[in-house]
Amino acid sequence: MADDITAADLTFGEKARIAGLVARMAKRGAAGPKVDISDLQRRVERIEDQARRRKHGK
């Protein structure tokens, strides 16, 4: 798909922020299946959207 971004489209800072958020998701996930991680997922999506806008010049 043309809207997909790759790791090359992310800056080092964005990659580091996403890695930290994924680690936090894993930590919460270890607490049990009923723990809500949607707030962290939204933060990752915002970072990806920012990279997507930069890639397409918008």
N, C-alpha and C. Protein backbone atom coordinates (compact mmCIF):
# COMPACT_ATOMS: atom_id res chain seq x y z
N MET A 1 0.84 -1.17 0.00
CA MET A 1 0.00 0.00 0.00
C MET A 1 0.89 1.24 0.00
N ALA A 2 0.46 2.28 -0.66
CA ALA A 2 1.27 3.49 -0.80
C ALA A 2 1.40 4.27 0.51
N ASP A 3 0.45 4.10 1.42
CA ASP A 3 0.48 4.84 2.68
C ASP A 3 1.34 4.19 3.74
N ASP A 4 1.84 2.98 3.48
CA ASP A 4 2.64 2.30 4.48
C ASP A 4 3.98 2.99 4.66
N ILE A 5 4.44 2.98 5.89
CA ILE A 5 5.76 3.52 6.18
C ILE A 5 6.66 2.37 6.60
N THR A 6 7.94 2.55 6.40
CA THR A 6 8.92 1.55 6.80
C THR A 6 9.80 2.14 7.89
N ALA A 7 10.67 1.32 8.42
CA ALA A 7 11.59 1.79 9.46
C ALA A 7 12.47 2.91 8.92
N ALA A 8 12.77 2.89 7.63
CA ALA A 8 13.61 3.93 7.03
C ALA A 8 12.91 5.28 7.00
N ASP A 9 11.58 5.29 7.09
CA ASP A 9 10.82 6.54 7.08
C ASP A 9 10.77 7.21 8.45
N LEU A 10 11.20 6.49 9.49
CA LEU A 10 11.17 7.02 10.85
C LEU A 10 12.53 7.60 11.22
N THR A 11 12.51 8.67 11.99
CA THR A 11 13.77 9.22 12.50
C THR A 11 14.24 8.36 13.67
N PHE A 12 15.49 8.55 14.08
CA PHE A 12 16.01 7.80 15.20
C PHE A 12 15.19 8.05 16.46
N GLY A 13 14.81 9.30 16.68
CA GLY A 13 14.02 9.65 17.85
C GLY A 13 12.66 8.97 17.85
N GLU A 14 12.02 8.92 16.68
CA GLU A 14 10.72 8.26 16.57
C GLU A 14 10.85 6.77 16.84
N LYS A 15 11.91 6.16 16.32
CA LYS A 15 12.14 4.74 16.57
C LYS A 15 12.34 4.48 18.06
N ALA A 16 13.09 5.35 18.72
CA ALA A 16 13.34 5.18 20.14
C ALA A 16 12.06 5.35 20.95
N ARG A 17 11.24 6.34 20.59
CA ARG A 17 9.97 6.54 21.29
C ARG A 17 9.05 5.36 21.11
N ILE A 18 8.98 4.82 19.89
CA ILE A 18 8.13 3.66 19.63
C ILE A 18 8.65 2.45 20.41
N ALA A 19 9.97 2.27 20.45
CA ALA A 19 10.53 1.14 21.19
C ALA A 19 10.17 1.24 22.68
N GLY A 20 10.24 2.43 23.23
CA GLY A 20 9.87 2.62 24.62
C GLY A 20 8.40 2.33 24.87
N LEU A 21 7.55 2.77 23.94
CA LEU A 21 6.12 2.52 24.09
C LEU A 21 5.80 1.03 23.96
N VAL A 22 6.48 0.34 23.05
CA VAL A 22 6.27 -1.10 22.89
C VAL A 22 6.70 -1.83 24.15
N ALA A 23 7.79 -1.39 24.77
CA ALA A 23 8.24 -2.00 26.02
C ALA A 23 7.18 -1.80 27.12
N ARG A 24 6.60 -0.61 27.17
CA ARG A 24 5.55 -0.35 28.15
C ARG A 24 4.32 -1.20 27.89
N MET A 25 3.98 -1.41 26.59
CA MET A 25 2.85 -2.27 26.24
C MET A 25 3.12 -3.69 26.71
N ALA A 26 4.35 -4.17 26.50
CA ALA A 26 4.69 -5.53 26.92
C ALA A 26 4.60 -5.67 28.43
N LYS A 27 5.05 -4.65 29.15
CA LYS A 27 5.00 -4.69 30.61
C LYS A 27 3.55 -4.74 31.09
N ARG A 28 2.71 -3.92 30.47
CA ARG A 28 1.29 -3.95 30.83
C ARG A 28 0.66 -5.28 30.44
N GLY A 29 1.04 -5.79 29.28
CA GLY A 29 0.49 -7.06 28.81
C GLY A 29 0.83 -8.20 29.73
N ALA A 30 1.98 -8.12 30.38
CA ALA A 30 2.39 -9.16 31.32
C ALA A 30 1.49 -9.16 32.55
N ALA A 31 0.81 -8.06 32.81
CA ALA A 31 -0.07 -7.97 33.96
C ALA A 31 -1.36 -8.76 33.76
N GLY A 32 -1.68 -9.05 32.52
CA GLY A 32 -2.87 -9.84 32.26
C GLY A 32 -3.57 -9.40 30.99
N PRO A 33 -4.45 -10.24 30.50
CA PRO A 33 -5.13 -9.95 29.22
C PRO A 33 -6.17 -8.84 29.29
N LYS A 34 -6.60 -8.48 30.48
CA LYS A 34 -7.66 -7.47 30.60
C LYS A 34 -7.11 -6.06 30.80
N VAL A 35 -5.80 -5.89 30.75
CA VAL A 35 -5.19 -4.58 30.95
C VAL A 35 -5.30 -3.78 29.65
N ASP A 36 -5.72 -2.54 29.75
CA ASP A 36 -5.93 -1.68 28.58
C ASP A 36 -4.61 -1.04 28.13
N ILE A 37 -4.24 -1.27 26.87
CA ILE A 37 -3.03 -0.65 26.31
C ILE A 37 -3.37 0.28 25.14
N SER A 38 -4.65 0.59 24.99
CA SER A 38 -5.08 1.38 23.83
C SER A 38 -4.47 2.78 23.83
N ASP A 39 -4.21 3.36 25.02
CA ASP A 39 -3.61 4.69 25.06
C ASP A 39 -2.21 4.67 24.47
N LEU A 40 -1.45 3.62 24.75
CA LEU A 40 -0.10 3.52 24.19
C LEU A 40 -0.14 3.25 22.69
N GLN A 41 -1.11 2.45 22.27
CA GLN A 41 -1.26 2.18 20.84
C GLN A 41 -1.58 3.46 20.07
N ARG A 42 -2.43 4.31 20.65
CA ARG A 42 -2.76 5.59 19.99
C ARG A 42 -1.52 6.48 19.88
N ARG A 43 -0.67 6.47 20.90
CA ARG A 43 0.55 7.28 20.84
C ARG A 43 1.46 6.80 19.72
N VAL A 44 1.58 5.47 19.55
CA VAL A 44 2.39 4.92 18.46
C VAL A 44 1.78 5.32 17.12
N GLU A 45 0.46 5.24 17.01
CA GLU A 45 -0.21 5.62 15.77
C GLU A 45 0.04 7.09 15.43
N ARG A 46 0.05 7.96 16.44
CA ARG A 46 0.32 9.39 16.19
C ARG A 46 1.74 9.59 15.67
N ILE A 47 2.69 8.86 16.21
CA ILE A 47 4.07 8.97 15.74
C ILE A 47 4.15 8.49 14.29
N GLU A 48 3.49 7.38 13.99
CA GLU A 48 3.48 6.86 12.62
C GLU A 48 2.80 7.83 11.66
N ASP A 49 1.70 8.45 12.10
CA ASP A 49 1.00 9.43 11.26
C ASP A 49 1.90 10.62 10.95
N GLN A 50 2.67 11.05 11.95
CA GLN A 50 3.60 12.16 11.75
C GLN A 50 4.65 11.79 10.70
N ALA A 51 5.18 10.58 10.77
CA ALA A 51 6.17 10.13 9.79
C ALA A 51 5.55 10.00 8.41
N ARG A 52 4.31 9.54 8.35
CA ARG A 52 3.60 9.39 7.08
C ARG A 52 3.38 10.75 6.43
N ARG A 53 2.98 11.75 7.23
CA ARG A 53 2.78 13.10 6.68
C ARG A 53 4.10 13.67 6.17
N ARG A 54 5.16 13.45 6.91
CA ARG A 54 6.48 13.95 6.48
C ARG A 54 6.91 13.27 5.18
N LYS A 55 6.65 11.98 5.06
CA LYS A 55 7.05 11.21 3.87
C LYS A 55 6.32 11.74 2.63
N HIS A 56 5.05 12.08 2.79
CA HIS A 56 4.25 12.52 1.66
C HIS A 56 4.24 14.04 1.50
N GLY A 57 4.99 14.74 2.34
CA GLY A 57 5.10 16.18 2.20
C GLY A 57 3.86 16.96 2.55
N LYS A 58 3.06 16.46 3.44
CA LYS A 58 1.81 17.15 3.80
C LYS A 58 1.93 17.80 5.13
